[in-house]
Amino acid sequence: TDYQEWITWTEIVPPDRIALVHGES
């Protein structure tokens, strides 16, 4: 089975934190 995935990075604070939104599109 293939699962379509999509992530957009909303905040990146190296090397402490990554925030994102994850969905199919």
PDB file of all heavy atoms in Angstrom:
ATOM      1  N   THR A   1       0.841  -1.199   0.000  1.00  0.00           N
ATOM      2  CA  THR A   1       0.000   0.000   0.000  1.00  0.00           C
ATOM      3  C   THR A   1       0.874   1.246   0.000  1.00  0.00           C
ATOM      4  O   THR A   1       1.847   1.328   0.738  1.00  0.00           O
ATOM      5  CB  THR A   1      -0.917   0.018   1.245  1.00  0.00           C
ATOM      6  OG1 THR A   1      -1.694  -1.169   1.265  1.00  0.00           O
ATOM      7  CG2 THR A   1      -1.838   1.234   1.232  1.00  0.00           C
ATOM      8  N   ASP A   2       0.520   2.215  -0.858  1.00  0.00           N
ATOM      9  CA  ASP A   2       1.207   3.499  -0.885  1.00  0.00           C
ATOM     10  C   ASP A   2       0.382   4.528  -0.129  1.00  0.00           C
ATOM     11  O   ASP A   2      -0.845   4.589  -0.285  1.00  0.00           O
ATOM     12  CB  ASP A   2       1.405   3.983  -2.324  1.00  0.00           C
ATOM     13  CG  ASP A   2       2.493   3.212  -3.049  1.00  0.00           C
ATOM     14  OD1 ASP A   2       3.294   2.521  -2.378  1.00  0.00           O
ATOM     15  OD2 ASP A   2       2.542   3.306  -4.283  1.00  0.00           O
ATOM     16  N   TYR A   3       1.054   5.318   0.684  1.00  0.00           N
ATOM     17  CA  TYR A   3       0.412   6.365   1.478  1.00  0.00           C
ATOM     18  C   TYR A   3       0.989   7.707   1.045  1.00  0.00           C
ATOM     19  O   TYR A   3       2.182   7.956   1.220  1.00  0.00           O
ATOM     20  CB  TYR A   3       0.675   6.146   2.973  1.00  0.00           C
ATOM     21  CG  TYR A   3       0.157   4.824   3.479  1.00  0.00           C
ATOM     22  CD1 TYR A   3       0.954   3.686   3.473  1.00  0.00           C
ATOM     23  CD2 TYR A   3      -1.143   4.710   3.966  1.00  0.00           C
ATOM     24  CE1 TYR A   3       0.484   2.466   3.932  1.00  0.00           C
ATOM     25  CE2 TYR A   3      -1.630   3.497   4.427  1.00  0.00           C
ATOM     26  CZ  TYR A   3      -0.811   2.383   4.409  1.00  0.00           C
ATOM     27  OH  TYR A   3      -1.280   1.178   4.862  1.00  0.00           O
ATOM     28  N   GLN A   4       0.138   8.563   0.444  1.00  0.00           N
ATOM     29  CA  GLN A   4       0.553   9.900   0.038  1.00  0.00           C
ATOM     30  C   GLN A   4       0.751  10.723   1.310  1.00  0.00           C
ATOM     31  O   GLN A   4      -0.120  10.731   2.176  1.00  0.00           O
ATOM     32  CB  GLN A   4      -0.508  10.555  -0.840  1.00  0.00           C
ATOM     33  CG  GLN A   4      -0.936   9.735  -2.042  1.00  0.00           C
ATOM     34  CD  GLN A   4       0.222   9.357  -2.942  1.00  0.00           C
ATOM     35  OE1 GLN A   4       1.048  10.180  -3.278  1.00  0.00           O
ATOM     36  NE2 GLN A   4       0.278   8.095  -3.327  1.00  0.00           N
ATOM     37  N   GLU A   5       1.885  11.408   1.407  1.00  0.00           N
ATOM     38  CA  GLU A   5       2.202  12.181   2.608  1.00  0.00           C
ATOM     39  C   GLU A   5       2.702  13.565   2.200  1.00  0.00           C
ATOM     40  O   GLU A   5       3.324  13.729   1.153  1.00  0.00           O
ATOM     41  CB  GLU A   5       3.279  11.481   3.436  1.00  0.00           C
ATOM     42  CG  GLU A   5       2.912  10.086   3.897  1.00  0.00           C
ATOM     43  CD  GLU A   5       1.884  10.047   5.003  1.00  0.00           C
ATOM     44  OE1 GLU A   5       1.828  11.003   5.811  1.00  0.00           O
ATOM     45  OE2 GLU A   5       1.136   9.062   5.067  1.00  0.00           O
ATOM     46  N   TRP A   6       2.455  14.524   3.067  1.00  0.00           N
ATOM     47  CA  TRP A   6       2.842  15.897   2.812  1.00  0.00           C
ATOM     48  C   TRP A   6       3.129  16.565   4.146  1.00  0.00           C
ATOM     49  O   TRP A   6       2.329  16.463   5.083  1.00  0.00           O
ATOM     50  CB  TRP A   6       1.702  16.594   2.085  1.00  0.00           C
ATOM     51  CG  TRP A   6       1.909  18.027   1.802  1.00  0.00           C
ATOM     52  CD1 TRP A   6       2.524  18.566   0.712  1.00  0.00           C
ATOM     53  CD2 TRP A   6       1.514  19.125   2.622  1.00  0.00           C
ATOM     54  NE1 TRP A   6       2.522  19.927   0.803  1.00  0.00           N
ATOM     55  CE2 TRP A   6       1.911  20.291   1.966  1.00  0.00           C
ATOM     56  CE3 TRP A   6       0.869  19.228   3.837  1.00  0.00           C
ATOM     57  CZ2 TRP A   6       1.686  21.546   2.491  1.00  0.00           C
ATOM     58  CZ3 TRP A   6       0.637  20.474   4.370  1.00  0.00           C
ATOM     59  CH2 TRP A   6       1.048  21.622   3.689  1.00  0.00           C
ATOM     60  N   ILE A   7       4.269  17.195   4.248  1.00  0.00           N
ATOM     61  CA  ILE A   7       4.649  17.924   5.457  1.00  0.00           C
ATOM     62  C   ILE A   7       5.073  19.317   5.045  1.00  0.00           C
ATOM     63  O   ILE A   7       5.789  19.488   4.057  1.00  0.00           O
ATOM     64  CB  ILE A   7       5.820  17.217   6.190  1.00  0.00           C
ATOM     65  CG1 ILE A   7       5.313  15.944   6.889  1.00  0.00           C
ATOM     66  CG2 ILE A   7       6.506  18.150   7.183  1.00  0.00           C
ATOM     67  CD1 ILE A   7       6.408  15.108   7.538  1.00  0.00           C
ATOM     68  N   THR A   8       4.619  20.313   5.811  1.00  0.00           N
ATOM     69  CA  THR A   8       5.180  21.652   5.668  1.00  0.00           C
ATOM     70  C   THR A   8       5.805  22.018   7.005  1.00  0.00           C
ATOM     71  O   THR A   8       5.234  21.779   8.064  1.00  0.00           O
ATOM     72  CB  THR A   8       4.136  22.698   5.222  1.00  0.00           C
ATOM     73  OG1 THR A   8       4.808  23.933   4.961  1.00  0.00           O
ATOM     74  CG2 THR A   8       3.058  22.935   6.238  1.00  0.00           C
ATOM     75  N   TRP A   9       7.011  22.542   6.929  1.00  0.00           N
ATOM     76  CA  TRP A   9       7.750  22.935   8.128  1.00  0.00           C
ATOM     77  C   TRP A   9       7.265  24.321   8.535  1.00  0.00           C
ATOM     78  O   TRP A   9       7.298  25.253   7.737  1.00  0.00           O
ATOM     79  CB  TRP A   9       9.250  22.958   7.842  1.00  0.00           C
ATOM     80  CG  TRP A   9       9.730  21.774   7.055  1.00  0.00           C
ATOM     81  CD1 TRP A   9      10.059  21.747   5.726  1.00  0.00           C
ATOM     82  CD2 TRP A   9       9.904  20.436   7.514  1.00  0.00           C
ATOM     83  NE1 TRP A   9      10.436  20.475   5.357  1.00  0.00           N
ATOM     84  CE2 TRP A   9      10.354  19.647   6.441  1.00  0.00           C
ATOM     85  CE3 TRP A   9       9.734  19.812   8.756  1.00  0.00           C
ATOM     86  CZ2 TRP A   9      10.632  18.290   6.550  1.00  0.00           C
ATOM     87  CZ3 TRP A   9      10.008  18.458   8.868  1.00  0.00           C
ATOM     88  CH2 TRP A   9      10.455  17.713   7.780  1.00  0.00           C
ATOM     89  N   THR A  10       6.816  24.485   9.773  1.00  0.00           N
ATOM     90  CA  THR A  10       6.287  25.772  10.216  1.00  0.00           C
ATOM     91  C   THR A  10       7.269  26.534  11.094  1.00  0.00           C
ATOM     92  O   THR A  10       7.187  27.757  11.199  1.00  0.00           O
ATOM     93  CB  THR A  10       4.955  25.593  10.967  1.00  0.00           C
ATOM     94  OG1 THR A  10       5.140  24.702  12.062  1.00  0.00           O
ATOM     95  CG2 THR A  10       3.888  25.049  10.019  1.00  0.00           C
ATOM     96  N   GLU A  11       8.194  25.804  11.729  1.00  0.00           N
ATOM     97  CA  GLU A  11       9.207  26.450  12.562  1.00  0.00           C
ATOM     98  C   GLU A  11      10.409  25.517  12.655  1.00  0.00           C
ATOM     99  O   GLU A  11      10.251  24.311  12.862  1.00  0.00           O
ATOM    100  CB  GLU A  11       8.655  26.720  13.963  1.00  0.00           C
ATOM    101  CG  GLU A  11       9.649  27.365  14.896  1.00  0.00           C
ATOM    102  CD  GLU A  11       9.135  27.489  16.327  1.00  0.00           C
ATOM    103  OE1 GLU A  11       8.288  26.694  16.745  1.00  0.00           O
ATOM    104  OE2 GLU A  11       9.625  28.398  17.022  1.00  0.00           O
ATOM    105  N   ILE A  12      11.605  26.079  12.506  1.00  0.00           N
ATOM    106  CA  ILE A  12      12.832  25.307  12.624  1.00  0.00           C
ATOM    107  C   ILE A  12      13.795  26.108  13.488  1.00  0.00           C
ATOM    108  O   ILE A  12      14.142  27.244  13.142  1.00  0.00           O
ATOM    109  CB  ILE A  12      13.452  25.026  11.239  1.00  0.00           C
ATOM    110  CG1 ILE A  12      12.471  24.231  10.372  1.00  0.00           C
ATOM    111  CG2 ILE A  12      14.782  24.289  11.396  1.00  0.00           C
ATOM    112  CD1 ILE A  12      12.866  24.123   8.913  1.00  0.00           C
ATOM    113  N   VAL A  13      14.183  25.537  14.614  1.00  0.00           N
ATOM    114  CA  VAL A  13      15.121  26.172  15.529  1.00  0.00           C
ATOM    115  C   VAL A  13      16.257  25.185  15.801  1.00  0.00           C
ATOM    116  O   VAL A  13      16.193  24.383  16.726  1.00  0.00           O
ATOM    117  CB  VAL A  13      14.435  26.577  16.858  1.00  0.00           C
ATOM    118  CG1 VAL A  13      15.423  27.312  17.761  1.00  0.00           C
ATOM    119  CG2 VAL A  13      13.189  27.403  16.619  1.00  0.00           C
ATOM    120  N   PRO A  14      17.299  25.194  14.936  1.00  0.00           N
ATOM    121  CA  PRO A  14      18.388  24.225  15.095  1.00  0.00           C
ATOM    122  C   PRO A  14      19.159  24.441  16.394  1.00  0.00           C
ATOM    123  O   PRO A  14      19.418  25.601  16.724  1.00  0.00           O
ATOM    124  CB  PRO A  14      19.287  24.493  13.897  1.00  0.00           C
ATOM    125  CG  PRO A  14      18.497  25.355  12.961  1.00  0.00           C
ATOM    126  CD  PRO A  14      17.488  26.071  13.797  1.00  0.00           C
ATOM    127  N   PRO A  15      19.583  23.437  17.091  1.00  0.00           N
ATOM    128  CA  PRO A  15      19.190  22.031  16.965  1.00  0.00           C
ATOM    129  C   PRO A  15      18.121  21.643  17.990  1.00  0.00           C
ATOM    130  O   PRO A  15      18.094  20.519  18.479  1.00  0.00           O
ATOM    131  CB  PRO A  15      20.511  21.310  17.282  1.00  0.00           C
ATOM    132  CG  PRO A  15      21.110  22.174  18.377  1.00  0.00           C
ATOM    133  CD  PRO A  15      20.710  23.596  18.024  1.00  0.00           C
ATOM    134  N   ASP A  16      17.241  22.596  18.342  1.00  0.00           N
ATOM    135  CA  ASP A  16      16.303  22.409  19.447  1.00  0.00           C
ATOM    136  C   ASP A  16      14.922  21.893  19.071  1.00  0.00           C
ATOM    137  O   ASP A  16      14.342  21.102  19.810  1.00  0.00           O
ATOM    138  CB  ASP A  16      16.088  23.743  20.191  1.00  0.00           C
ATOM    139  CG  ASP A  16      17.362  24.311  20.760  1.00  0.00           C
ATOM    140  OD1 ASP A  16      18.142  23.550  21.344  1.00  0.00           O
ATOM    141  OD2 ASP A  16      17.584  25.531  20.593  1.00  0.00           O
ATOM    142  N   ARG A  17      14.382  22.376  17.944  1.00  0.00           N
ATOM    143  CA  ARG A  17      12.950  22.183  17.728  1.00  0.00           C
ATOM    144  C   ARG A  17      12.596  22.254  16.247  1.00  0.00           C
ATOM    145  O   ARG A  17      13.156  23.056  15.508  1.00  0.00           O
ATOM    146  CB  ARG A  17      12.257  23.289  18.517  1.00  0.00           C
ATOM    147  CG  ARG A  17      10.831  23.510  18.327  1.00  0.00           C
ATOM    148  CD  ARG A  17      10.446  24.768  19.144  1.00  0.00           C
ATOM    149  NE  ARG A  17       9.126  25.179  18.867  1.00  0.00           N
ATOM    150  CZ  ARG A  17       8.062  24.841  19.590  1.00  0.00           C
ATOM    151  NH1 ARG A  17       8.198  24.110  20.659  1.00  0.00           N
ATOM    152  NH2 ARG A  17       6.868  25.251  19.253  1.00  0.00           N
ATOM    153  N   ILE A  18      11.629  21.414  15.875  1.00  0.00           N
ATOM    154  CA  ILE A  18      11.041  21.459  14.541  1.00  0.00           C
ATOM    155  C   ILE A  18       9.527  21.378  14.727  1.00  0.00           C
ATOM    156  O   ILE A  18       9.046  20.487  15.416  1.00  0.00           O
ATOM    157  CB  ILE A  18      11.499  20.281  13.659  1.00  0.00           C
ATOM    158  CG1 ILE A  18      13.017  20.292  13.460  1.00  0.00           C
ATOM    159  CG2 ILE A  18      10.774  20.303  12.311  1.00  0.00           C
ATOM    160  CD1 ILE A  18      13.558  19.048  12.773  1.00  0.00           C
ATOM    161  N   ALA A  19       8.795  22.315  14.118  1.00  0.00           N
ATOM    162  CA  ALA A  19       7.336  22.259  14.124  1.00  0.00           C
ATOM    163  C   ALA A  19       6.879  22.074  12.684  1.00  0.00           C
ATOM    164  O   ALA A  19       7.511  22.593  11.748  1.00  0.00           O
ATOM    165  CB  ALA A  19       6.742  23.539  14.720  1.00  0.00           C
ATOM    166  N   LEU A  20       5.796  21.320  12.518  1.00  0.00           N
ATOM    167  CA  LEU A  20       5.337  21.001  11.177  1.00  0.00           C
ATOM    168  C   LEU A  20       3.850  20.697  11.162  1.00  0.00           C
ATOM    169  O   LEU A  20       3.237  20.475  12.199  1.00  0.00           O
ATOM    170  CB  LEU A  20       6.124  19.805  10.627  1.00  0.00           C
ATOM    171  CG  LEU A  20       6.085  18.510  11.458  1.00  0.00           C
ATOM    172  CD1 LEU A  20       5.019  17.554  10.975  1.00  0.00           C
ATOM    173  CD2 LEU A  20       7.444  17.832  11.393  1.00  0.00           C
ATOM    174  N   VAL A  21       3.290  20.694   9.970  1.00  0.00           N
ATOM    175  CA  VAL A  21       1.929  20.229   9.726  1.00  0.00           C
ATOM    176  C   VAL A  21       2.057  19.037   8.788  1.00  0.00           C
ATOM    177  O   VAL A  21       2.764  19.098   7.786  1.00  0.00           O
ATOM    178  CB  VAL A  21       1.042  21.327   9.094  1.00  0.00           C
ATOM    179  CG1 VAL A  21      -0.344  20.780   8.760  1.00  0.00           C
ATOM    180  CG2 VAL A  21       0.936  22.525  10.034  1.00  0.00           C
ATOM    181  N   HIS A  22       1.345  17.925   9.134  1.00  0.00           N
ATOM    182  CA  HIS A  22       1.492  16.661   8.402  1.00  0.00           C
ATOM    183  C   HIS A  22       0.111  16.175   7.978  1.00  0.00           C
ATOM    184  O   HIS A  22      -0.785  16.047   8.793  1.00  0.00           O
ATOM    185  CB  HIS A  22       2.142  15.636   9.339  1.00  0.00           C
ATOM    186  CG  HIS A  22       2.503  14.354   8.674  1.00  0.00           C
ATOM    187  ND1 HIS A  22       3.415  13.503   9.226  1.00  0.00           N
ATOM    188  CD2 HIS A  22       2.096  13.753   7.530  1.00  0.00           C
ATOM    189  CE1 HIS A  22       3.557  12.431   8.452  1.00  0.00           C
ATOM    190  NE2 HIS A  22       2.753  12.577   7.417  1.00  0.00           N
ATOM    191  N   GLY A  23      -0.027  15.919   6.690  1.00  0.00           N
ATOM    192  CA  GLY A  23      -1.276  15.398   6.149  1.00  0.00           C
ATOM    193  C   GLY A  23      -1.008  14.620   4.878  1.00  0.00           C
ATOM    194  O   GLY A  23       0.141  14.306   4.557  1.00  0.00           O
ATOM    195  N   GLU A  24      -2.076  14.325   4.158  1.00  0.00           N
ATOM    196  CA  GLU A  24      -1.929  13.627   2.881  1.00  0.00           C
ATOM    197  C   GLU A  24      -1.642  14.588   1.741  1.00  0.00           C
ATOM    198  O   GLU A  24      -1.092  14.187   0.723  1.00  0.00           O
ATOM    199  CB  GLU A  24      -3.197  12.821   2.581  1.00  0.00           C
ATOM    200  CG  GLU A  24      -3.408  11.667   3.538  1.00  0.00           C
ATOM    201  CD  GLU A  24      -4.664  10.872   3.236  1.00  0.00           C
ATOM    202  OE1 GLU A  24      -5.380  11.205   2.264  1.00  0.00           O
ATOM    203  OE2 GLU A  24      -4.932   9.921   3.976  1.00  0.00           O
ATOM    204  N   SER A  25      -2.041  15.849   1.915  1.00  0.00           N
ATOM    205  CA  SER A  25      -1.838  16.869   0.890  1.00  0.00           C
ATOM    206  C   SER A  25      -1.926  18.241   1.543  1.00  0.00           C
ATOM    207  O   SER A  25      -2.318  18.357   2.713  1.00  0.00           O
ATOM    208  CB  SER A  25      -2.908  16.748  -0.206  1.00  0.00           C
ATOM    209  OG  SER A  25      -4.192  17.002   0.345  1.00  0.00           O
TER     210      SER A  25
END
